[in-house]
């Protein structure tokens, strides 16, 4: 008795976003113990938000990708609220302006 195999994952989706957003997204995935592909597939497979008319598949995928990009950009402010993250944030924020720029992040 053999277990049925799931379909092979062979298609790709290219999403363009700033390097800082990608780095923040990848860090959030790593912290959650997930791959970026797992997170994107999960968002694509979810039911779309309530709309007057049901979204087509490609529209739902586009919304999921946009949500990932927005979430990745918001990650630094979310990270400030996590316990124990303030010290790490303060260490990276070399000019103490309350924002970690990519240059500050890269220099850590």
PDB file of N, CA and C in Angstrom:
ATOM      1  N   UNK A   1       0.852  -1.183   0.000  1.00  0.00           N
ATOM      2  CA  UNK A   1       0.000   0.000   0.000  1.00  0.00           C
ATOM      3  C   UNK A   1       0.890   1.237   0.000  1.00  0.00           C
ATOM      4  N   UNK A   2       0.851   2.009  -1.067  1.00  0.00           N
ATOM      5  CA  UNK A   2       1.704   3.194  -1.162  1.00  0.00           C
ATOM      6  C   UNK A   2       0.893   4.459  -0.934  1.00  0.00           C
ATOM      7  N   UNK A   3       1.551   5.411  -0.335  1.00  0.00           N
ATOM      8  CA  UNK A   3       0.920   6.704  -0.054  1.00  0.00           C
ATOM      9  C   UNK A   3       0.916   7.554  -1.320  1.00  0.00           C
ATOM     10  N   UNK A   4      -0.186   8.222  -1.605  1.00  0.00           N
ATOM     11  CA  UNK A   4      -0.295   9.068  -2.800  1.00  0.00           C
ATOM     12  C   UNK A   4       0.638  10.271  -2.659  1.00  0.00           C
ATOM     13  N   UNK A   5       1.362  10.563  -3.711  1.00  0.00           N
ATOM     14  CA  UNK A   5       2.272  11.703  -3.707  1.00  0.00           C
ATOM     15  C   UNK A   5       1.520  12.992  -4.012  1.00  0.00           C
ATOM     16  N   UNK A   6       1.983  14.063  -3.382  1.00  0.00           N
ATOM     17  CA  UNK A   6       1.402  15.362  -3.708  1.00  0.00           C
ATOM     18  C   UNK A   6       2.003  15.827  -5.033  1.00  0.00           C
ATOM     19  N   UNK A   7       1.294  16.680  -5.759  1.00  0.00           N
ATOM     20  CA  UNK A   7       1.815  17.147  -7.053  1.00  0.00           C
ATOM     21  C   UNK A   7       3.165  17.840  -6.888  1.00  0.00           C
ATOM     22  N   UNK A   8       4.037  17.660  -7.875  1.00  0.00           N
ATOM     23  CA  UNK A   8       5.357  18.270  -7.847  1.00  0.00           C
ATOM     24  C   UNK A   8       5.220  19.785  -7.991  1.00  0.00           C
ATOM     25  N   UNK A   9       5.984  20.482  -7.195  1.00  0.00           N
ATOM     26  CA  UNK A   9       5.962  21.946  -7.241  1.00  0.00           C
ATOM     27  C   UNK A   9       7.029  22.406  -8.224  1.00  0.00           C
ATOM     28  N   UNK A  10       6.613  22.794  -9.413  1.00  0.00           N
ATOM     29  CA  UNK A  10       7.582  23.154 -10.448  1.00  0.00           C
ATOM     30  C   UNK A  10       7.405  24.574 -10.974  1.00  0.00           C
ATOM     31  N   UNK A  11       6.357  25.247 -10.587  1.00  0.00           N
ATOM     32  CA  UNK A  11       6.119  26.603 -11.081  1.00  0.00           C
ATOM     33  C   UNK A  11       6.741  27.610 -10.129  1.00  0.00           C
ATOM     34  N   UNK A  12       7.139  28.749 -10.671  1.00  0.00           N
ATOM     35  CA  UNK A  12       7.731  29.799  -9.850  1.00  0.00           C
ATOM     36  C   UNK A  12       6.921  31.079  -9.986  1.00  0.00           C
ATOM     37  N   UNK A  13       7.089  31.954  -9.011  1.00  0.00           N
ATOM     38  CA  UNK A  13       6.424  33.253  -8.995  1.00  0.00           C
ATOM     39  C   UNK A  13       7.499  34.282  -8.658  1.00  0.00           C
ATOM     40  N   UNK A  14       7.699  35.240  -9.546  1.00  0.00           N
ATOM     41  CA  UNK A  14       8.697  36.272  -9.295  1.00  0.00           C
ATOM     42  C   UNK A  14       8.002  37.495  -8.726  1.00  0.00           C
ATOM     43  N   UNK A  15       8.506  37.968  -7.609  1.00  0.00           N
ATOM     44  CA  UNK A  15       7.955  39.160  -6.962  1.00  0.00           C
ATOM     45  C   UNK A  15       9.099  40.140  -6.781  1.00  0.00           C
ATOM     46  N   UNK A  16       8.927  41.339  -7.288  1.00  0.00           N
ATOM     47  CA  UNK A  16       9.970  42.363  -7.148  1.00  0.00           C
ATOM     48  C   UNK A  16       9.639  43.239  -5.941  1.00  0.00           C
ATOM     49  N   UNK A  17      10.642  43.405  -5.072  1.00  0.00           N
ATOM     50  CA  UNK A  17      10.485  44.246  -3.910  1.00  0.00           C
ATOM     51  C   UNK A  17      11.863  44.740  -3.480  1.00  0.00           C
ATOM     52  N   UNK A  18      11.895  45.785  -2.665  1.00  0.00           N
ATOM     53  CA  UNK A  18      13.184  46.319  -2.226  1.00  0.00           C
ATOM     54  C   UNK A  18      13.988  45.277  -1.435  1.00  0.00           C
ATOM     55  N   UNK A  19      15.306  45.373  -1.504  1.00  0.00           N
ATOM     56  CA  UNK A  19      16.179  44.442  -0.803  1.00  0.00           C
ATOM     57  C   UNK A  19      15.882  44.418   0.693  1.00  0.00           C
ATOM     58  N   UNK A  20      15.608  45.592   1.266  1.00  0.00           N
ATOM     59  CA  UNK A  20      15.314  45.665   2.698  1.00  0.00           C
ATOM     60  C   UNK A  20      14.059  44.866   3.034  1.00  0.00           C
ATOM     61  N   UNK A  21      13.037  44.958   2.187  1.00  0.00           N
ATOM     62  CA  UNK A  21      11.790  44.231   2.417  1.00  0.00           C
ATOM     63  C   UNK A  21      12.028  42.735   2.328  1.00  0.00           C
ATOM     64  N   UNK A  22      12.821  42.311   1.346  1.00  0.00           N
ATOM     65  CA  UNK A  22      13.115  40.882   1.197  1.00  0.00           C
ATOM     66  C   UNK A  22      13.886  40.377   2.417  1.00  0.00           C
ATOM     67  N   UNK A  23      14.888  41.144   2.847  1.00  0.00           N
ATOM     68  CA  UNK A  23      15.686  40.720   3.999  1.00  0.00           C
ATOM     69  C   UNK A  23      14.819  40.581   5.250  1.00  0.00           C
ATOM     70  N   UNK A  24      13.920  41.541   5.457  1.00  0.00           N
ATOM     71  CA  UNK A  24      13.032  41.477   6.621  1.00  0.00           C
ATOM     72  C   UNK A  24      12.079  40.284   6.517  1.00  0.00           C
ATOM     73  N   UNK A  25      11.541  40.038   5.322  1.00  0.00           N
ATOM     74  CA  UNK A  25      10.635  38.907   5.114  1.00  0.00           C
ATOM     75  C   UNK A  25      11.360  37.590   5.360  1.00  0.00           C
ATOM     76  N   UNK A  26      12.565  37.450   4.811  1.00  0.00           N
ATOM     77  CA  UNK A  26      13.326  36.219   4.980  1.00  0.00           C
ATOM     78  C   UNK A  26      13.665  35.993   6.459  1.00  0.00           C
ATOM     79  N   UNK A  27      13.975  37.061   7.181  1.00  0.00           N
ATOM     80  CA  UNK A  27      14.274  36.937   8.612  1.00  0.00           C
ATOM     81  C   UNK A  27      13.034  36.473   9.378  1.00  0.00           C
ATOM     82  N   UNK A  28      11.877  37.033   9.028  1.00  0.00           N
ATOM     83  CA  UNK A  28      10.636  36.616   9.699  1.00  0.00           C
ATOM     84  C   UNK A  28      10.339  35.153   9.413  1.00  0.00           C
ATOM     85  N   UNK A  29      10.558  34.716   8.182  1.00  0.00           N
ATOM     86  CA  UNK A  29      10.343  33.302   7.837  1.00  0.00           C
ATOM     87  C   UNK A  29      11.287  32.424   8.642  1.00  0.00           C
ATOM     88  N   UNK A  30      12.568  32.797   8.672  1.00  0.00           N
ATOM     89  CA  UNK A  30      13.576  32.019   9.397  1.00  0.00           C
ATOM     90  C   UNK A  30      13.207  31.940  10.879  1.00  0.00           C
ATOM     91  N   UNK A  31      12.785  33.061  11.475  1.00  0.00           N
ATOM     92  CA  UNK A  31      12.402  33.084  12.888  1.00  0.00           C
ATOM     93  C   UNK A  31      11.208  32.187  13.168  1.00  0.00           C
ATOM     94  N   UNK A  32      10.315  32.062  12.178  1.00  0.00           N
ATOM     95  CA  UNK A  32       9.125  31.218  12.329  1.00  0.00           C
ATOM     96  C   UNK A  32       9.414  29.755  11.984  1.00  0.00           C
ATOM     97  N   UNK A  33      10.627  29.479  11.500  1.00  0.00           N
ATOM     98  CA  UNK A  33      10.971  28.103  11.134  1.00  0.00           C
ATOM     99  C   UNK A  33      10.322  27.649   9.840  1.00  0.00           C
ATOM    100  N   UNK A  34      10.030  28.595   8.948  1.00  0.00           N
ATOM    101  CA  UNK A  34       9.378  28.290   7.679  1.00  0.00           C
ATOM    102  C   UNK A  34      10.242  28.787   6.526  1.00  0.00           C
ATOM    103  N   UNK A  35      10.024  28.197   5.355  1.00  0.00           N
ATOM    104  CA  UNK A  35      10.684  28.724   4.171  1.00  0.00           C
ATOM    105  C   UNK A  35       9.797  29.807   3.573  1.00  0.00           C
ATOM    106  N   UNK A  36      10.388  30.668   2.768  1.00  0.00           N
ATOM    107  CA  UNK A  36       9.612  31.707   2.097  1.00  0.00           C
ATOM    108  C   UNK A  36       8.563  31.071   1.195  1.00  0.00           C
ATOM    109  N   UNK A  37       8.924  29.980   0.539  1.00  0.00           N
ATOM    110  CA  UNK A  37       7.970  29.294  -0.344  1.00  0.00           C
ATOM    111  C   UNK A  37       6.766  28.785   0.435  1.00  0.00           C
ATOM    112  N   UNK A  38       6.985  28.238   1.627  1.00  0.00           N
ATOM    113  CA  UNK A  38       5.869  27.753   2.436  1.00  0.00           C
ATOM    114  C   UNK A  38       4.910  28.889   2.782  1.00  0.00           C
ATOM    115  N   UNK A  39       5.463  30.045   3.150  1.00  0.00           N
ATOM    116  CA  UNK A  39       4.630  31.185   3.531  1.00  0.00           C
ATOM    117  C   UNK A  39       3.822  31.686   2.333  1.00  0.00           C
ATOM    118  N   UNK A  40       4.474  31.814   1.179  1.00  0.00           N
ATOM    119  CA  UNK A  40       3.778  32.300  -0.011  1.00  0.00           C
ATOM    120  C   UNK A  40       2.695  31.319  -0.433  1.00  0.00           C
ATOM    121  N   UNK A  41       3.016  30.007  -0.447  1.00  0.00           N
ATOM    122  CA  UNK A  41       1.989  29.008  -0.816  1.00  0.00           C
ATOM    123  C   UNK A  41       0.801  29.069   0.130  1.00  0.00           C
ATOM    124  N   UNK A  42       1.075  29.221   1.434  1.00  0.00           N
ATOM    125  CA  UNK A  42      -0.016  29.300   2.402  1.00  0.00           C
ATOM    126  C   UNK A  42      -0.913  30.508   2.127  1.00  0.00           C
ATOM    127  N   UNK A  43      -0.305  31.655   1.827  1.00  0.00           N
ATOM    128  CA  UNK A  43      -1.110  32.850   1.538  1.00  0.00           C
ATOM    129  C   UNK A  43      -1.920  32.691   0.253  1.00  0.00           C
ATOM    130  N   UNK A  44      -1.340  32.050  -0.751  1.00  0.00           N
ATOM    131  CA  UNK A  44      -2.046  31.862  -2.019  1.00  0.00           C
ATOM    132  C   UNK A  44      -3.223  30.904  -1.859  1.00  0.00           C
ATOM    133  N   UNK A  45      -3.059  29.881  -1.023  1.00  0.00           N
ATOM    134  CA  UNK A  45      -4.104  28.869  -0.867  1.00  0.00           C
ATOM    135  C   UNK A  45      -5.251  29.318   0.028  1.00  0.00           C
ATOM    136  N   UNK A  46      -5.068  30.381   0.783  1.00  0.00           N
ATOM    137  CA  UNK A  46      -6.145  30.877   1.655  1.00  0.00           C
ATOM    138  C   UNK A  46      -7.273  31.473   0.827  1.00  0.00           C
ATOM    139  N   UNK A  47      -8.431  31.524   1.433  1.00  0.00           N
ATOM    140  CA  UNK A  47      -9.572  32.169   0.781  1.00  0.00           C
ATOM    141  C   UNK A  47      -9.293  33.666   0.704  1.00  0.00           C
ATOM    142  N   UNK A  48      -9.614  34.307  -0.413  1.00  0.00           N
ATOM    143  CA  UNK A  48      -9.374  35.752  -0.518  1.00  0.00           C
ATOM    144  C   UNK A  48     -10.266  36.529   0.447  1.00  0.00           C
ATOM    145  N   UNK A  49      -9.889  37.754   0.713  1.00  0.00           N
ATOM    146  CA  UNK A  49     -10.697  38.625   1.558  1.00  0.00           C
ATOM    147  C   UNK A  49     -12.072  38.813   0.947  1.00  0.00           C
ATOM    148  N   UNK A  50     -13.044  39.128   1.779  1.00  0.00           N
ATOM    149  CA  UNK A  50     -14.401  39.339   1.275  1.00  0.00           C
ATOM    150  C   UNK A  50     -14.423  40.528   0.327  1.00  0.00           C
ATOM    151  N   UNK A  51     -14.982  40.313  -0.827  1.00  0.00           N
ATOM    152  CA  UNK A  51     -15.125  41.348  -1.850  1.00  0.00           C
ATOM    153  C   UNK A  51     -16.530  41.212  -2.422  1.00  0.00           C
ATOM    154  N   UNK A  52     -17.050  42.284  -3.021  1.00  0.00           N
ATOM    155  CA  UNK A  52     -18.365  42.181  -3.647  1.00  0.00           C
ATOM    156  C   UNK A  52     -18.408  41.052  -4.691  1.00  0.00           C
ATOM    157  N   UNK A  53     -17.347  40.912  -5.489  1.00  0.00           N
ATOM    158  CA  UNK A  53     -17.284  39.839  -6.479  1.00  0.00           C
ATOM    159  C   UNK A  53     -16.088  38.962  -6.131  1.00  0.00           C
ATOM    160  N   UNK A  54     -16.224  37.661  -6.325  1.00  0.00           N
ATOM    161  CA  UNK A  54     -15.141  36.745  -6.005  1.00  0.00           C
ATOM    162  C   UNK A  54     -13.931  37.009  -6.920  1.00  0.00           C
ATOM    163  N   UNK A  55     -12.755  37.034  -6.306  1.00  0.00           N
ATOM    164  CA  UNK A  55     -11.538  37.284  -7.065  1.00  0.00           C
ATOM    165  C   UNK A  55     -11.145  36.057  -7.884  1.00  0.00           C
ATOM    166  N   UNK A  56     -10.530  36.308  -9.017  1.00  0.00           N
ATOM    167  CA  UNK A  56      -9.976  35.226  -9.816  1.00  0.00           C
ATOM    168  C   UNK A  56      -8.687  34.770  -9.166  1.00  0.00           C
ATOM    169  N   UNK A  57      -8.211  33.594  -9.528  1.00  0.00           N
ATOM    170  CA  UNK A  57      -7.004  33.027  -8.935  1.00  0.00           C
ATOM    171  C   UNK A  57      -5.794  33.934  -9.035  1.00  0.00           C
ATOM    172  N   UNK A  58      -5.574  34.523 -10.214  1.00  0.00           N
ATOM    173  CA  UNK A  58      -4.397  35.376 -10.383  1.00  0.00           C
ATOM    174  C   UNK A  58      -4.516  36.638  -9.543  1.00  0.00           C
ATOM    175  N   UNK A  59      -5.752  37.130  -9.337  1.00  0.00           N
ATOM    176  CA  UNK A  59      -5.945  38.322  -8.516  1.00  0.00           C
ATOM    177  C   UNK A  59      -5.633  38.013  -7.045  1.00  0.00           C
ATOM    178  N   UNK A  60      -6.070  36.832  -6.590  1.00  0.00           N
ATOM    179  CA  UNK A  60      -5.784  36.437  -5.214  1.00  0.00           C
ATOM    180  C   UNK A  60      -4.282  36.286  -5.009  1.00  0.00           C
ATOM    181  N   UNK A  61      -3.594  35.717  -5.984  1.00  0.00           N
ATOM    182  CA  UNK A  61      -2.141  35.574  -5.897  1.00  0.00           C
ATOM    183  C   UNK A  61      -1.440  36.921  -5.850  1.00  0.00           C
ATOM    184  N   UNK A  62      -1.923  37.852  -6.658  1.00  0.00           N
ATOM    185  CA  UNK A  62      -1.340  39.193  -6.679  1.00  0.00           C
ATOM    186  C   UNK A  62      -1.546  39.887  -5.334  1.00  0.00           C
ATOM    187  N   UNK A  63      -2.740  39.742  -4.759  1.00  0.00           N
ATOM    188  CA  UNK A  63      -3.003  40.323  -3.438  1.00  0.00           C
ATOM    189  C   UNK A  63      -2.119  39.685  -2.371  1.00  0.00           C
ATOM    190  N   UNK A  64      -1.921  38.378  -2.464  1.00  0.00           N
ATOM    191  CA  UNK A  64      -1.058  37.688  -1.499  1.00  0.00           C
ATOM    192  C   UNK A  64       0.370  38.213  -1.593  1.00  0.00           C
ATOM    193  N   UNK A  65       0.868  38.378  -2.807  1.00  0.00           N
ATOM    194  CA  UNK A  65       2.230  38.887  -2.995  1.00  0.00           C
ATOM    195  C   UNK A  65       2.349  40.310  -2.450  1.00  0.00           C
ATOM    196  N   UNK A  66       1.332  41.136  -2.691  1.00  0.00           N
ATOM    197  CA  UNK A  66       1.347  42.503  -2.171  1.00  0.00           C
ATOM    198  C   UNK A  66       1.322  42.491  -0.645  1.00  0.00           C
ATOM    199  N   UNK A  67       0.540  41.595  -0.084  1.00  0.00           N
ATOM    200  CA  UNK A  67       0.481  41.473   1.375  1.00  0.00           C
ATOM    201  C   UNK A  67       1.820  41.078   1.971  1.00  0.00           C
ATOM    202  N   UNK A  68       2.519  40.189   1.287  1.00  0.00           N
ATOM    203  CA  UNK A  68       3.847  39.781   1.751  1.00  0.00           C
ATOM    204  C   UNK A  68       4.786  40.976   1.743  1.00  0.00           C
ATOM    205  N   UNK A  69       4.752  41.749   0.661  1.00  0.00           N
ATOM    206  CA  UNK A  69       5.641  42.902   0.553  1.00  0.00           C
ATOM    207  C   UNK A  69       5.333  43.932   1.643  1.00  0.00           C
ATOM    208  N   UNK A  70       4.060  44.208   1.880  1.00  0.00           N
ATOM    209  CA  UNK A  70       3.678  45.178   2.913  1.00  0.00           C
ATOM    210  C   UNK A  70       4.068  44.654   4.291  1.00  0.00           C
ATOM    211  N   UNK A  71       3.835  43.368   4.522  1.00  0.00           N
ATOM    212  CA  UNK A  71       4.213  42.776   5.804  1.00  0.00           C
ATOM    213  C   UNK A  71       5.709  42.829   6.045  1.00  0.00           C
ATOM    214  N   UNK A  72       6.477  42.613   4.988  1.00  0.00           N
ATOM    215  CA  UNK A  72       7.932  42.643   5.124  1.00  0.00           C
ATOM    216  C   UNK A  72       8.424  44.048   5.448  1.00  0.00           C
ATOM    217  N   UNK A  73       7.792  45.044   4.855  1.00  0.00           N
ATOM    218  CA  UNK A  73       8.179  46.423   5.138  1.00  0.00           C
ATOM    219  C   UNK A  73       7.810  46.788   6.571  1.00  0.00           C
ATOM    220  N   UNK A  74       6.703  46.257   7.072  1.00  0.00           N
ATOM    221  CA  UNK A  74       6.251  46.563   8.429  1.00  0.00           C
ATOM    222  C   UNK A  74       7.008  45.768   9.483  1.00  0.00           C
ATOM    223  N   UNK A  75       7.765  44.757   9.087  1.00  0.00           N
ATOM    224  CA  UNK A  75       8.438  43.875  10.038  1.00  0.00           C
ATOM    225  C   UNK A  75       9.328  44.605  11.032  1.00  0.00           C
ATOM    226  N   UNK A  76      10.109  45.605  10.610  1.00  0.00           N
ATOM    227  CA  UNK A  76      10.954  46.264  11.607  1.00  0.00           C
ATOM    228  C   UNK A  76      10.162  46.910  12.742  1.00  0.00           C
ATOM    229  N   UNK A  77       9.016  47.516  12.450  1.00  0.00           N
ATOM    230  CA  UNK A  77       8.237  48.127  13.516  1.00  0.00           C
ATOM    231  C   UNK A  77       7.561  47.063  14.374  1.00  0.00           C
ATOM    232  N   UNK A  78       7.197  45.937  13.783  1.00  0.00           N
ATOM    233  CA  UNK A  78       6.621  44.837  14.557  1.00  0.00           C
ATOM    234  C   UNK A  78       7.684  44.253  15.479  1.00  0.00           C
ATOM    235  N   UNK A  79       8.903  44.128  14.978  1.00  0.00           N
ATOM    236  CA  UNK A  79       9.985  43.546  15.774  1.00  0.00           C
ATOM    237  C   UNK A  79      10.281  44.375  17.013  1.00  0.00           C
ATOM    238  N   UNK A  80      10.069  45.684  16.955  1.00  0.00           N
ATOM    239  CA  UNK A  80      10.317  46.521  18.120  1.00  0.00           C
ATOM    240  C   UNK A  80       9.402  46.141  19.271  1.00  0.00           C
ATOM    241  N   UNK A  81       8.218  45.607  18.982  1.00  0.00           N
ATOM    242  CA  UNK A  81       7.255  45.290  20.018  1.00  0.00           C
ATOM    243  C   UNK A  81       7.516  43.940  20.674  1.00  0.00           C
ATOM    244  N   UNK A  82       8.387  43.123  20.097  1.00  0.00           N
ATOM    245  CA  UNK A  82       8.653  41.807  20.653  1.00  0.00           C
ATOM    246  C   UNK A  82       9.551  41.918  21.874  1.00  0.00           C
ATOM    247  N   UNK A  83       9.289  41.092  22.921  1.00  0.00           N
ATOM    248  CA  UNK A  83      10.128  41.142  24.119  1.00  0.00           C
ATOM    249  C   UNK A  83      11.576  40.821  23.777  1.00  0.00           C
ATOM    250  N   UNK A  84      12.495  41.562  24.354  1.00  0.00           N
ATOM    251  CA  UNK A  84      13.908  41.298  24.151  1.00  0.00           C
ATOM    252  C   UNK A  84      14.468  41.839  22.848  1.00  0.00           C
ATOM    253  N   UNK A  85      13.622  42.387  21.989  1.00  0.00           N
ATOM    254  CA  UNK A  85      14.114  42.854  20.699  1.00  0.00           C
ATOM    255  C   UNK A  85      14.616  44.297  20.777  1.00  0.00           C
ATOM    256  N   UNK A  86      14.270  45.008  21.821  1.00  0.00           N
ATOM    257  CA  UNK A  86      14.646  46.415  21.921  1.00  0.00           C
ATOM    258  C   UNK A  86      16.169  46.595  21.955  1.00  0.00           C
ATOM    259  N   UNK A  87      16.851  45.742  22.700  1.00  0.00           N
ATOM    260  CA  UNK A  87      18.303  45.863  22.800  1.00  0.00           C
ATOM    261  C   UNK A  87      18.954  45.633  21.441  1.00  0.00           C
ATOM    262  N   UNK A  88      18.494  44.629  20.718  1.00  0.00           N
ATOM    263  CA  UNK A  88      19.038  44.341  19.390  1.00  0.00           C
ATOM    264  C   UNK A  88      18.739  45.496  18.436  1.00  0.00           C
ATOM    265  N   UNK A  89      17.532  46.033  18.525  1.00  0.00           N
ATOM    266  CA  UNK A  89      17.162  47.166  17.672  1.00  0.00           C
ATOM    267  C   UNK A  89      18.050  48.368  17.976  1.00  0.00           C
ATOM    268  N   UNK A  90      18.213  48.675  19.273  1.00  0.00           N
ATOM    269  CA  UNK A  90      19.037  49.820  19.664  1.00  0.00           C
ATOM    270  C   UNK A  90      20.481  49.645  19.201  1.00  0.00           C
ATOM    271  N   UNK A  91      20.967  48.422  19.203  1.00  0.00           N
ATOM    272  CA  UNK A  91      22.335  48.168  18.758  1.00  0.00           C
ATOM    273  C   UNK A  91      22.484  48.448  17.257  1.00  0.00           C
ATOM    274  N   UNK A  92      21.468  48.100  16.463  1.00  0.00           N
ATOM    275  CA  UNK A  92      21.527  48.340  15.022  1.00  0.00           C
ATOM    276  C   UNK A  92      21.273  49.803  14.674  1.00  0.00           C
ATOM    277  N   UNK A  93      20.436  50.484  15.455  1.00  0.00           N
ATOM    278  CA  UNK A  93      20.069  51.878  15.166  1.00  0.00           C
ATOM    279  C   UNK A  93      21.189  52.804  15.629  1.00  0.00           C
ATOM    280  N   UNK A  94      22.271  52.870  14.849  1.00  0.00           N
ATOM    281  CA  UNK A  94      23.475  53.584  15.267  1.00  0.00           C
ATOM    282  C   UNK A  94      23.270  55.094  15.416  1.00  0.00           C
ATOM    283  N   UNK A  95      22.373  55.691  14.640  1.00  0.00           N
ATOM    284  CA  UNK A  95      22.168  57.141  14.759  1.00  0.00           C
ATOM    285  C   UNK A  95      20.991  57.489  15.680  1.00  0.00           C
ATOM    286  N   UNK A  96      20.406  56.495  16.297  1.00  0.00           N
ATOM    287  CA  UNK A  96      19.332  56.672  17.306  1.00  0.00           C
ATOM    288  C   UNK A  96      18.142  57.487  16.795  1.00  0.00           C
ATOM    289  N   UNK A  97      17.768  57.267  15.524  1.00  0.00           N
ATOM    290  CA  UNK A  97      16.616  57.985  14.983  1.00  0.00           C
ATOM    291  C   UNK A  97      15.336  57.158  15.029  1.00  0.00           C
ATOM    292  N   UNK A  98      15.405  55.956  15.591  1.00  0.00           N
ATOM    293  CA  UNK A  98      14.225  55.111  15.705  1.00  0.00           C
ATOM    294  C   UNK A  98      13.923  54.314  14.457  1.00  0.00           C
ATOM    295  N   UNK A  99      14.807  54.377  13.460  1.00  0.00           N
ATOM    296  CA  UNK A  99      14.635  53.652  12.202  1.00  0.00           C
ATOM    297  C   UNK A  99      15.953  52.959  11.881  1.00  0.00           C
ATOM    298  N   UNK A 100      15.884  51.676  11.528  1.00  0.00           N
ATOM    299  CA  UNK A 100      17.089  50.961  11.105  1.00  0.00           C
ATOM    300  C   UNK A 100      17.119  50.972   9.586  1.00  0.00           C
ATOM    301  N   UNK A 101      18.079  51.703   9.041  1.00  0.00           N
ATOM    302  CA  UNK A 101      18.235  51.756   7.587  1.00  0.00           C
ATOM    303  C   UNK A 101      18.961  50.497   7.123  1.00  0.00           C
ATOM    304  N   UNK A 102      18.963  50.266   5.823  1.00  0.00           N
ATOM    305  CA  UNK A 102      19.650  49.101   5.302  1.00  0.00           C
ATOM    306  C   UNK A 102      21.139  49.182   5.614  1.00  0.00           C
ATOM    307  N   UNK A 103      21.710  50.375   5.521  1.00  0.00           N
ATOM    308  CA  UNK A 103      23.133  50.538   5.823  1.00  0.00           C
ATOM    309  C   UNK A 103      23.412  50.157   7.285  1.00  0.00           C
ATOM    310  N   UNK A 104      22.541  50.557   8.206  1.00  0.00           N
ATOM    311  CA  UNK A 104      22.719  50.190   9.609  1.00  0.00           C
ATOM    312  C   UNK A 104      22.546  48.683   9.784  1.00  0.00           C
ATOM    313  N   UNK A 105      21.566  48.125   9.104  1.00  0.00           N
ATOM    314  CA  UNK A 105      21.328  46.679   9.191  1.00  0.00           C
ATOM    315  C   UNK A 105      22.523  45.908   8.650  1.00  0.00           C
ATOM    316  N   UNK A 106      23.048  46.352   7.516  1.00  0.00           N
ATOM    317  CA  UNK A 106      24.180  45.677   6.889  1.00  0.00           C
ATOM    318  C   UNK A 106      25.427  45.768   7.769  1.00  0.00           C
ATOM    319  N   UNK A 107      25.578  46.845   8.509  1.00  0.00           N
ATOM    320  CA  UNK A 107      26.746  47.057   9.344  1.00  0.00           C
ATOM    321  C   UNK A 107      26.699  46.356  10.686  1.00  0.00           C
ATOM    322  N   UNK A 108      25.672  45.608  10.956  1.00  0.00           N
ATOM    323  CA  UNK A 108      25.543  44.987  12.287  1.00  0.00           C
ATOM    324  C   UNK A 108      26.548  43.939  12.551  1.00  0.00           C
TER     325      UNK A 108
END
